[in-house]
Amino acid sequence: ATQTTRLQEQSLEIEQEKFDVGLST
């Protein structure tokens, strides 16, 4: 679960960065 949380947080950060530059929704 700790590993899953860390990976999900990284995925959220990446998706947030993509959203900031208009590459995600």
mmCIF file of all heavy atoms, coordinates in Angstrom:
data_MODEL
# 
_entry.id   MODEL 
# 
loop_
_atom_site.group_PDB 
_atom_site.id 
_atom_site.type_symbol 
_atom_site.label_atom_id 
_atom_site.label_alt_id 
_atom_site.label_comp_id 
_atom_site.label_asym_id 
_atom_site.label_entity_id 
_atom_site.label_seq_id 
_atom_site.pdbx_PDB_ins_code 
_atom_site.Cartn_x 
_atom_site.Cartn_y 
_atom_site.Cartn_z 
_atom_site.occupancy 
_atom_site.B_iso_or_equiv 
_atom_site.pdbx_formal_charge 
_atom_site.auth_seq_id 
_atom_site.auth_comp_id 
_atom_site.auth_asym_id 
_atom_site.auth_atom_id 
_atom_site.pdbx_PDB_model_num 
ATOM 1   N N   . ALA A 1 1  ? 0.830  -1.210 0.000   1.00 0.00 ? 1  ALA A N   1 
ATOM 2   C CA  . ALA A 1 1  ? 0.000  0.000  0.000   1.00 0.00 ? 1  ALA A CA  1 
ATOM 3   C C   . ALA A 1 1  ? 0.858  1.251  0.000   1.00 0.00 ? 1  ALA A C   1 
ATOM 4   O O   . ALA A 1 1  ? 0.533  2.254  -0.673  1.00 0.00 ? 1  ALA A O   1 
ATOM 5   C CB  . ALA A 1 1  ? -0.931 -0.008 1.219   1.00 0.00 ? 1  ALA A CB  1 
ATOM 6   N N   . THR A 1 2  ? 1.976  1.227  0.746   1.00 0.00 ? 2  THR A N   1 
ATOM 7   C CA  . THR A 1 2  ? 2.883  2.382  0.749   1.00 0.00 ? 2  THR A CA  1 
ATOM 8   C C   . THR A 1 2  ? 3.474  2.611  -0.635  1.00 0.00 ? 2  THR A C   1 
ATOM 9   O O   . THR A 1 2  ? 3.582  3.757  -1.107  1.00 0.00 ? 2  THR A O   1 
ATOM 10  C CB  . THR A 1 2  ? 4.002  2.155  1.776   1.00 0.00 ? 2  THR A CB  1 
ATOM 11  O OG1 . THR A 1 2  ? 3.429  1.942  3.068   1.00 0.00 ? 2  THR A OG1 1 
ATOM 12  C CG2 . THR A 1 2  ? 4.925  3.357  1.843   1.00 0.00 ? 2  THR A CG2 1 
ATOM 13  N N   . GLN A 1 3  ? 3.884  1.510  -1.271  1.00 0.00 ? 3  GLN A N   1 
ATOM 14  C CA  . GLN A 1 3  ? 4.417  1.634  -2.625  1.00 0.00 ? 3  GLN A CA  1 
ATOM 15  C C   . GLN A 1 3  ? 3.362  2.169  -3.586  1.00 0.00 ? 3  GLN A C   1 
ATOM 16  O O   . GLN A 1 3  ? 3.648  3.022  -4.440  1.00 0.00 ? 3  GLN A O   1 
ATOM 17  C CB  . GLN A 1 3  ? 4.926  0.264  -3.092  1.00 0.00 ? 3  GLN A CB  1 
ATOM 18  C CG  . GLN A 1 3  ? 5.527  0.244  -4.476  1.00 0.00 ? 3  GLN A CG  1 
ATOM 19  C CD  . GLN A 1 3  ? 6.878  0.943  -4.538  1.00 0.00 ? 3  GLN A CD  1 
ATOM 20  O OE1 . GLN A 1 3  ? 7.399  1.391  -3.522  1.00 0.00 ? 3  GLN A OE1 1 
ATOM 21  N NE2 . GLN A 1 3  ? 7.428  1.058  -5.742  1.00 0.00 ? 3  GLN A NE2 1 
ATOM 22  N N   . THR A 1 4  ? 2.124  1.685  -3.444  1.00 0.00 ? 4  THR A N   1 
ATOM 23  C CA  . THR A 1 4  ? 1.036  2.156  -4.301  1.00 0.00 ? 4  THR A CA  1 
ATOM 24  C C   . THR A 1 4  ? 0.792  3.646  -4.092  1.00 0.00 ? 4  THR A C   1 
ATOM 25  O O   . THR A 1 4  ? 0.597  4.406  -5.061  1.00 0.00 ? 4  THR A O   1 
ATOM 26  C CB  . THR A 1 4  ? -0.246 1.362  -4.011  1.00 0.00 ? 4  THR A CB  1 
ATOM 27  O OG1 . THR A 1 4  ? -0.004 -0.024 -4.245  1.00 0.00 ? 4  THR A OG1 1 
ATOM 28  C CG2 . THR A 1 4  ? -1.388 1.824  -4.894  1.00 0.00 ? 4  THR A CG2 1 
ATOM 29  N N   . THR A 1 5  ? 0.794  4.085  -2.835  1.00 0.00 ? 5  THR A N   1 
ATOM 30  C CA  . THR A 1 5  ? 0.583  5.508  -2.546  1.00 0.00 ? 5  THR A CA  1 
ATOM 31  C C   . THR A 1 5  ? 1.682  6.358  -3.186  1.00 0.00 ? 5  THR A C   1 
ATOM 32  O O   . THR A 1 5  ? 1.402  7.413  -3.790  1.00 0.00 ? 5  THR A O   1 
ATOM 33  C CB  . THR A 1 5  ? 0.548  5.731  -1.023  1.00 0.00 ? 5  THR A CB  1 
ATOM 34  O OG1 . THR A 1 5  ? -0.510 4.957  -0.452  1.00 0.00 ? 5  THR A OG1 1 
ATOM 35  C CG2 . THR A 1 5  ? 0.329  7.203  -0.698  1.00 0.00 ? 5  THR A CG2 1 
ATOM 36  N N   . ARG A 1 6  ? 2.917  5.932  -3.043  1.00 0.00 ? 6  ARG A N   1 
ATOM 37  C CA  . ARG A 1 6  ? 4.026  6.700  -3.613  1.00 0.00 ? 6  ARG A CA  1 
ATOM 38  C C   . ARG A 1 6  ? 3.907  6.798  -5.136  1.00 0.00 ? 6  ARG A C   1 
ATOM 39  O O   . ARG A 1 6  ? 4.096  7.866  -5.722  1.00 0.00 ? 6  ARG A O   1 
ATOM 40  C CB  . ARG A 1 6  ? 5.352  6.039  -3.234  1.00 0.00 ? 6  ARG A CB  1 
ATOM 41  C CG  . ARG A 1 6  ? 6.585  6.825  -3.669  1.00 0.00 ? 6  ARG A CG  1 
ATOM 42  C CD  . ARG A 1 6  ? 7.839  6.147  -3.161  1.00 0.00 ? 6  ARG A CD  1 
ATOM 43  N NE  . ARG A 1 6  ? 7.974  4.807  -3.712  1.00 0.00 ? 6  ARG A NE  1 
ATOM 44  C CZ  . ARG A 1 6  ? 8.483  4.539  -4.928  1.00 0.00 ? 6  ARG A CZ  1 
ATOM 45  N NH1 . ARG A 1 6  ? 8.894  5.545  -5.702  1.00 0.00 ? 6  ARG A NH1 1 
ATOM 46  N NH2 . ARG A 1 6  ? 8.592  3.302  -5.357  1.00 0.00 ? 6  ARG A NH2 1 
ATOM 47  N N   . LEU A 1 7  ? 3.551  5.670  -5.769  1.00 0.00 ? 7  LEU A N   1 
ATOM 48  C CA  . LEU A 1 7  ? 3.422  5.685  -7.224  1.00 0.00 ? 7  LEU A CA  1 
ATOM 49  C C   . LEU A 1 7  ? 2.227  6.533  -7.680  1.00 0.00 ? 7  LEU A C   1 
ATOM 50  O O   . LEU A 1 7  ? 2.311  7.251  -8.693  1.00 0.00 ? 7  LEU A O   1 
ATOM 51  C CB  . LEU A 1 7  ? 3.281  4.248  -7.742  1.00 0.00 ? 7  LEU A CB  1 
ATOM 52  C CG  . LEU A 1 7  ? 4.511  3.350  -7.541  1.00 0.00 ? 7  LEU A CG  1 
ATOM 53  C CD1 . LEU A 1 7  ? 4.207  1.926  -7.985  1.00 0.00 ? 7  LEU A CD1 1 
ATOM 54  C CD2 . LEU A 1 7  ? 5.716  3.906  -8.297  1.00 0.00 ? 7  LEU A CD2 1 
ATOM 55  N N   . GLN A 1 8  ? 1.120  6.454  -6.934  1.00 0.00 ? 8  GLN A N   1 
ATOM 56  C CA  . GLN A 1 8  ? -0.044 7.254  -7.293  1.00 0.00 ? 8  GLN A CA  1 
ATOM 57  C C   . GLN A 1 8  ? 0.236  8.746  -7.115  1.00 0.00 ? 8  GLN A C   1 
ATOM 58  O O   . GLN A 1 8  ? -0.222 9.581  -7.926  1.00 0.00 ? 8  GLN A O   1 
ATOM 59  C CB  . GLN A 1 8  ? -1.251 6.845  -6.448  1.00 0.00 ? 8  GLN A CB  1 
ATOM 60  C CG  . GLN A 1 8  ? -1.785 5.444  -6.717  1.00 0.00 ? 8  GLN A CG  1 
ATOM 61  C CD  . GLN A 1 8  ? -2.411 5.315  -8.094  1.00 0.00 ? 8  GLN A CD  1 
ATOM 62  O OE1 . GLN A 1 8  ? -2.522 6.273  -8.870  1.00 0.00 ? 8  GLN A OE1 1 
ATOM 63  N NE2 . GLN A 1 8  ? -2.823 4.095  -8.432  1.00 0.00 ? 8  GLN A NE2 1 
ATOM 64  N N   . GLU A 1 9  ? 0.996  9.100  -6.077  1.00 0.00 ? 9  GLU A N   1 
ATOM 65  C CA  . GLU A 1 9  ? 1.360  10.503 -5.884  1.00 0.00 ? 9  GLU A CA  1 
ATOM 66  C C   . GLU A 1 9  ? 2.257  10.984 -7.024  1.00 0.00 ? 9  GLU A C   1 
ATOM 67  O O   . GLU A 1 9  ? 2.107  12.121 -7.509  1.00 0.00 ? 9  GLU A O   1 
ATOM 68  C CB  . GLU A 1 9  ? 2.053  10.675 -4.535  1.00 0.00 ? 9  GLU A CB  1 
ATOM 69  C CG  . GLU A 1 9  ? 1.110  10.539 -3.344  1.00 0.00 ? 9  GLU A CG  1 
ATOM 70  C CD  . GLU A 1 9  ? 1.834  10.577 -2.022  1.00 0.00 ? 9  GLU A CD  1 
ATOM 71  O OE1 . GLU A 1 9  ? 3.084  10.446 -2.019  1.00 0.00 ? 9  GLU A OE1 1 
ATOM 72  O OE2 . GLU A 1 9  ? 1.179  10.729 -0.983  1.00 0.00 ? 9  GLU A OE2 1 
ATOM 73  N N   . GLN A 1 10 ? 3.190  10.131 -7.454  1.00 0.00 ? 10 GLN A N   1 
ATOM 74  C CA  . GLN A 1 10 ? 4.035  10.504 -8.589  1.00 0.00 ? 10 GLN A CA  1 
ATOM 75  C C   . GLN A 1 10 ? 3.206  10.655 -9.870  1.00 0.00 ? 10 GLN A C   1 
ATOM 76  O O   . GLN A 1 10 ? 3.423  11.581 -10.666 1.00 0.00 ? 10 GLN A O   1 
ATOM 77  C CB  . GLN A 1 10 ? 5.121  9.440  -8.780  1.00 0.00 ? 10 GLN A CB  1 
ATOM 78  C CG  . GLN A 1 10 ? 6.157  9.408  -7.671  1.00 0.00 ? 10 GLN A CG  1 
ATOM 79  C CD  . GLN A 1 10 ? 7.178  8.302  -7.872  1.00 0.00 ? 10 GLN A CD  1 
ATOM 80  O OE1 . GLN A 1 10 ? 7.098  7.524  -8.830  1.00 0.00 ? 10 GLN A OE1 1 
ATOM 81  N NE2 . GLN A 1 10 ? 8.149  8.243  -6.971  1.00 0.00 ? 10 GLN A NE2 1 
ATOM 82  N N   . SER A 1 11 ? 2.246  9.730  -10.041 1.00 0.00 ? 11 SER A N   1 
ATOM 83  C CA  . SER A 1 11 ? 1.388  9.820  -11.230 1.00 0.00 ? 11 SER A CA  1 
ATOM 84  C C   . SER A 1 11 ? 0.571  11.100 -11.205 1.00 0.00 ? 11 SER A C   1 
ATOM 85  O O   . SER A 1 11 ? 0.366  11.759 -12.251 1.00 0.00 ? 11 SER A O   1 
ATOM 86  C CB  . SER A 1 11 ? 0.461  8.596  -11.297 1.00 0.00 ? 11 SER A CB  1 
ATOM 87  O OG  . SER A 1 11 ? 1.209  7.402  -11.403 1.00 0.00 ? 11 SER A OG  1 
ATOM 88  N N   . LEU A 1 12 ? 0.075  11.476 -10.007 1.00 0.00 ? 12 LEU A N   1 
ATOM 89  C CA  . LEU A 1 12 ? -0.695 12.717 -9.897  1.00 0.00 ? 12 LEU A CA  1 
ATOM 90  C C   . LEU A 1 12 ? 0.176  13.929 -10.217 1.00 0.00 ? 12 LEU A C   1 
ATOM 91  O O   . LEU A 1 12 ? -0.273 14.863 -10.909 1.00 0.00 ? 12 LEU A O   1 
ATOM 92  C CB  . LEU A 1 12 ? -1.287 12.839 -8.495  1.00 0.00 ? 12 LEU A CB  1 
ATOM 93  C CG  . LEU A 1 12 ? -2.050 14.137 -8.209  1.00 0.00 ? 12 LEU A CG  1 
ATOM 94  C CD1 . LEU A 1 12 ? -3.234 14.295 -9.167  1.00 0.00 ? 12 LEU A CD1 1 
ATOM 95  C CD2 . LEU A 1 12 ? -2.520 14.177 -6.754  1.00 0.00 ? 12 LEU A CD2 1 
ATOM 96  N N   . GLU A 1 13 ? 1.413  13.936 -9.737  1.00 0.00 ? 13 GLU A N   1 
ATOM 97  C CA  . GLU A 1 13 ? 2.307  15.052 -10.024 1.00 0.00 ? 13 GLU A CA  1 
ATOM 98  C C   . GLU A 1 13 ? 2.576  15.165 -11.526 1.00 0.00 ? 13 GLU A C   1 
ATOM 99  O O   . GLU A 1 13 ? 2.566  16.277 -12.090 1.00 0.00 ? 13 GLU A O   1 
ATOM 100 C CB  . GLU A 1 13 ? 3.619  14.854 -9.265  1.00 0.00 ? 13 GLU A CB  1 
ATOM 101 C CG  . GLU A 1 13 ? 3.490  14.996 -7.747  1.00 0.00 ? 13 GLU A CG  1 
ATOM 102 C CD  . GLU A 1 13 ? 4.804  14.718 -7.036  1.00 0.00 ? 13 GLU A CD  1 
ATOM 103 O OE1 . GLU A 1 13 ? 5.810  14.432 -7.745  1.00 0.00 ? 13 GLU A OE1 1 
ATOM 104 O OE2 . GLU A 1 13 ? 4.832  14.787 -5.799  1.00 0.00 ? 13 GLU A OE2 1 
ATOM 105 N N   . ILE A 1 14 ? 2.798  14.020 -12.160 1.00 0.00 ? 14 ILE A N   1 
ATOM 106 C CA  . ILE A 1 14 ? 3.049  14.043 -13.610 1.00 0.00 ? 14 ILE A CA  1 
ATOM 107 C C   . ILE A 1 14 ? 1.827  14.535 -14.365 1.00 0.00 ? 14 ILE A C   1 
ATOM 108 O O   . ILE A 1 14 ? 1.914  15.366 -15.288 1.00 0.00 ? 14 ILE A O   1 
ATOM 109 C CB  . ILE A 1 14 ? 3.465  12.638 -14.092 1.00 0.00 ? 14 ILE A CB  1 
ATOM 110 C CG1 . ILE A 1 14 ? 4.806  12.231 -13.456 1.00 0.00 ? 14 ILE A CG1 1 
ATOM 111 C CG2 . ILE A 1 14 ? 3.537  12.576 -15.609 1.00 0.00 ? 14 ILE A CG2 1 
ATOM 112 C CD1 . ILE A 1 14 ? 5.207  10.799 -13.736 1.00 0.00 ? 14 ILE A CD1 1 
ATOM 113 N N   . GLU A 1 15 ? 0.654  14.025 -13.938 1.00 0.00 ? 15 GLU A N   1 
ATOM 114 C CA  . GLU A 1 15 ? -0.573 14.430 -14.633 1.00 0.00 ? 15 GLU A CA  1 
ATOM 115 C C   . GLU A 1 15 ? -0.861 15.899 -14.405 1.00 0.00 ? 15 GLU A C   1 
ATOM 116 O O   . GLU A 1 15 ? -1.353 16.601 -15.310 1.00 0.00 ? 15 GLU A O   1 
ATOM 117 C CB  . GLU A 1 15 ? -1.737 13.567 -14.136 1.00 0.00 ? 15 GLU A CB  1 
ATOM 118 C CG  . GLU A 1 15 ? -2.931 13.535 -15.065 1.00 0.00 ? 15 GLU A CG  1 
ATOM 119 C CD  . GLU A 1 15 ? -2.593 12.857 -16.400 1.00 0.00 ? 15 GLU A CD  1 
ATOM 120 O OE1 . GLU A 1 15 ? -1.703 11.972 -16.394 1.00 0.00 ? 15 GLU A OE1 1 
ATOM 121 O OE2 . GLU A 1 15 ? -3.222 13.206 -17.412 1.00 0.00 ? 15 GLU A OE2 1 
ATOM 122 N N   . GLN A 1 16 ? -0.540 16.401 -13.195 1.00 0.00 ? 16 GLN A N   1 
ATOM 123 C CA  . GLN A 1 16 ? -0.744 17.813 -12.912 1.00 0.00 ? 16 GLN A CA  1 
ATOM 124 C C   . GLN A 1 16 ? 0.179  18.676 -13.783 1.00 0.00 ? 16 GLN A C   1 
ATOM 125 O O   . GLN A 1 16 ? -0.232 19.722 -14.301 1.00 0.00 ? 16 GLN A O   1 
ATOM 126 C CB  . GLN A 1 16 ? -0.473 18.088 -11.426 1.00 0.00 ? 16 GLN A CB  1 
ATOM 127 C CG  . GLN A 1 16 ? -0.745 19.521 -11.003 1.00 0.00 ? 16 GLN A CG  1 
ATOM 128 C CD  . GLN A 1 16 ? -2.218 19.891 -11.062 1.00 0.00 ? 16 GLN A CD  1 
ATOM 129 O OE1 . GLN A 1 16 ? -3.047 19.138 -10.565 1.00 0.00 ? 16 GLN A OE1 1 
ATOM 130 N NE2 . GLN A 1 16 ? -2.530 21.012 -11.674 1.00 0.00 ? 16 GLN A NE2 1 
ATOM 131 N N   . GLU A 1 17 ? 1.422  18.232 -13.943 1.00 0.00 ? 17 GLU A N   1 
ATOM 132 C CA  . GLU A 1 17 ? 2.349  18.971 -14.796 1.00 0.00 ? 17 GLU A CA  1 
ATOM 133 C C   . GLU A 1 17 ? 1.879  18.977 -16.249 1.00 0.00 ? 17 GLU A C   1 
ATOM 134 O O   . GLU A 1 17 ? 1.961  20.007 -16.937 1.00 0.00 ? 17 GLU A O   1 
ATOM 135 C CB  . GLU A 1 17 ? 3.743  18.350 -14.685 1.00 0.00 ? 17 GLU A CB  1 
ATOM 136 C CG  . GLU A 1 17 ? 4.388  18.531 -13.312 1.00 0.00 ? 17 GLU A CG  1 
ATOM 137 C CD  . GLU A 1 17 ? 5.709  17.807 -13.200 1.00 0.00 ? 17 GLU A CD  1 
ATOM 138 O OE1 . GLU A 1 17 ? 6.089  17.106 -14.172 1.00 0.00 ? 17 GLU A OE1 1 
ATOM 139 O OE2 . GLU A 1 17 ? 6.366  17.926 -12.133 1.00 0.00 ? 17 GLU A OE2 1 
ATOM 140 N N   . LYS A 1 18 ? 1.383  17.824 -16.712 1.00 0.00 ? 18 LYS A N   1 
ATOM 141 C CA  . LYS A 1 18 ? 0.865  17.754 -18.087 1.00 0.00 ? 18 LYS A CA  1 
ATOM 142 C C   . LYS A 1 18 ? -0.351 18.669 -18.241 1.00 0.00 ? 18 LYS A C   1 
ATOM 143 O O   . LYS A 1 18 ? -0.538 19.321 -19.276 1.00 0.00 ? 18 LYS A O   1 
ATOM 144 C CB  . LYS A 1 18 ? 0.490  16.315 -18.433 1.00 0.00 ? 18 LYS A CB  1 
ATOM 145 C CG  . LYS A 1 18 ? 1.696  15.391 -18.544 1.00 0.00 ? 18 LYS A CG  1 
ATOM 146 C CD  . LYS A 1 18 ? 1.286  13.934 -18.629 1.00 0.00 ? 18 LYS A CD  1 
ATOM 147 C CE  . LYS A 1 18 ? 0.421  13.667 -19.845 1.00 0.00 ? 18 LYS A CE  1 
ATOM 148 N NZ  . LYS A 1 18 ? 0.046  12.231 -19.951 1.00 0.00 ? 18 LYS A NZ  1 
ATOM 149 N N   . PHE A 1 19 ? -1.193 18.727 -17.180 1.00 0.00 ? 19 PHE A N   1 
ATOM 150 C CA  . PHE A 1 19 ? -2.378 19.583 -17.241 1.00 0.00 ? 19 PHE A CA  1 
ATOM 151 C C   . PHE A 1 19 ? -1.994 21.057 -17.281 1.00 0.00 ? 19 PHE A C   1 
ATOM 152 O O   . PHE A 1 19 ? -2.637 21.868 -17.978 1.00 0.00 ? 19 PHE A O   1 
ATOM 153 C CB  . PHE A 1 19 ? -3.277 19.287 -16.042 1.00 0.00 ? 19 PHE A CB  1 
ATOM 154 C CG  . PHE A 1 19 ? -4.486 20.163 -15.964 1.00 0.00 ? 19 PHE A CG  1 
ATOM 155 C CD1 . PHE A 1 19 ? -5.572 19.976 -16.811 1.00 0.00 ? 19 PHE A CD1 1 
ATOM 156 C CD2 . PHE A 1 19 ? -4.543 21.205 -15.035 1.00 0.00 ? 19 PHE A CD2 1 
ATOM 157 C CE1 . PHE A 1 19 ? -6.679 20.801 -16.732 1.00 0.00 ? 19 PHE A CE1 1 
ATOM 158 C CE2 . PHE A 1 19 ? -5.649 22.024 -14.953 1.00 0.00 ? 19 PHE A CE2 1 
ATOM 159 C CZ  . PHE A 1 19 ? -6.733 21.814 -15.806 1.00 0.00 ? 19 PHE A CZ  1 
ATOM 160 N N   . ASP A 1 20 ? -0.930 21.387 -16.540 1.00 0.00 ? 20 ASP A N   1 
ATOM 161 C CA  . ASP A 1 20 ? -0.499 22.782 -16.507 1.00 0.00 ? 20 ASP A CA  1 
ATOM 162 C C   . ASP A 1 20 ? -0.024 23.276 -17.870 1.00 0.00 ? 20 ASP A C   1 
ATOM 163 O O   . ASP A 1 20 ? -0.136 24.478 -18.181 1.00 0.00 ? 20 ASP A O   1 
ATOM 164 C CB  . ASP A 1 20 ? 0.611  22.954 -15.462 1.00 0.00 ? 20 ASP A CB  1 
ATOM 165 C CG  . ASP A 1 20 ? 0.092  22.754 -14.048 1.00 0.00 ? 20 ASP A CG  1 
ATOM 166 O OD1 . ASP A 1 20 ? -1.135 22.880 -13.844 1.00 0.00 ? 20 ASP A OD1 1 
ATOM 167 O OD2 . ASP A 1 20 ? 0.903  22.438 -13.151 1.00 0.00 ? 20 ASP A OD2 1 
ATOM 168 N N   . VAL A 1 21 ? 0.511  22.349 -18.693 1.00 0.00 ? 21 VAL A N   1 
ATOM 169 C CA  . VAL A 1 21 ? 0.999  22.758 -20.019 1.00 0.00 ? 21 VAL A CA  1 
ATOM 170 C C   . VAL A 1 21 ? 0.012  22.407 -21.110 1.00 0.00 ? 21 VAL A C   1 
ATOM 171 O O   . VAL A 1 21 ? 0.329  22.500 -22.301 1.00 0.00 ? 21 VAL A O   1 
ATOM 172 C CB  . VAL A 1 21 ? 2.372  22.098 -20.312 1.00 0.00 ? 21 VAL A CB  1 
ATOM 173 C CG1 . VAL A 1 21 ? 3.417  22.576 -19.318 1.00 0.00 ? 21 VAL A CG1 1 
ATOM 174 C CG2 . VAL A 1 21 ? 2.265  20.578 -20.278 1.00 0.00 ? 21 VAL A CG2 1 
ATOM 175 N N   . GLY A 1 22 ? -1.194 21.970 -20.700 1.00 0.00 ? 22 GLY A N   1 
ATOM 176 C CA  . GLY A 1 22 ? -2.240 21.707 -21.654 1.00 0.00 ? 22 GLY A CA  1 
ATOM 177 C C   . GLY A 1 22 ? -2.186 20.367 -22.336 1.00 0.00 ? 22 GLY A C   1 
ATOM 178 O O   . GLY A 1 22 ? -2.841 20.163 -23.362 1.00 0.00 ? 22 GLY A O   1 
ATOM 179 N N   . LEU A 1 23 ? -1.424 19.395 -21.755 1.00 0.00 ? 23 LEU A N   1 
ATOM 180 C CA  . LEU A 1 23 ? -1.316 18.073 -22.366 1.00 0.00 ? 23 LEU A CA  1 
ATOM 181 C C   . LEU A 1 23 ? -2.215 17.034 -21.680 1.00 0.00 ? 23 LEU A C   1 
ATOM 182 O O   . LEU A 1 23 ? -2.164 15.853 -22.029 1.00 0.00 ? 23 LEU A O   1 
ATOM 183 C CB  . LEU A 1 23 ? 0.151  17.592 -22.319 1.00 0.00 ? 23 LEU A CB  1 
ATOM 184 C CG  . LEU A 1 23 ? 1.147  18.443 -23.113 1.00 0.00 ? 23 LEU A CG  1 
ATOM 185 C CD1 . LEU A 1 23 ? 2.548  17.897 -22.963 1.00 0.00 ? 23 LEU A CD1 1 
ATOM 186 C CD2 . LEU A 1 23 ? 0.733  18.522 -24.590 1.00 0.00 ? 23 LEU A CD2 1 
ATOM 187 N N   . SER A 1 24 ? -2.999 17.469 -20.704 1.00 0.00 ? 24 SER A N   1 
ATOM 188 C CA  . SER A 1 24 ? -3.915 16.552 -20.021 1.00 0.00 ? 24 SER A CA  1 
ATOM 189 C C   . SER A 1 24 ? -5.214 17.286 -19.760 1.00 0.00 ? 24 SER A C   1 
ATOM 190 O O   . SER A 1 24 ? -5.342 18.487 -20.028 1.00 0.00 ? 24 SER A O   1 
ATOM 191 C CB  . SER A 1 24 ? -3.307 16.048 -18.712 1.00 0.00 ? 24 SER A CB  1 
ATOM 192 O OG  . SER A 1 24 ? -4.193 15.151 -18.068 1.00 0.00 ? 24 SER A OG  1 
ATOM 193 N N   . THR A 1 25 ? -6.169 16.539 -19.212 1.00 0.00 ? 25 THR A N   1 
ATOM 194 C CA  . THR A 1 25 ? -7.485 17.121 -18.960 1.00 0.00 ? 25 THR A CA  1 
ATOM 195 C C   . THR A 1 25 ? -7.756 17.207 -17.466 1.00 0.00 ? 25 THR A C   1 
ATOM 196 O O   . THR A 1 25 ? -7.146 16.499 -16.654 1.00 0.00 ? 25 THR A O   1 
ATOM 197 C CB  . THR A 1 25 ? -8.584 16.261 -19.613 1.00 0.00 ? 25 THR A CB  1 
ATOM 198 O OG1 . THR A 1 25 ? -8.588 14.963 -19.016 1.00 0.00 ? 25 THR A OG1 1 
ATOM 199 C CG2 . THR A 1 25 ? -8.341 16.133 -21.115 1.00 0.00 ? 25 THR A CG2 1 
# 
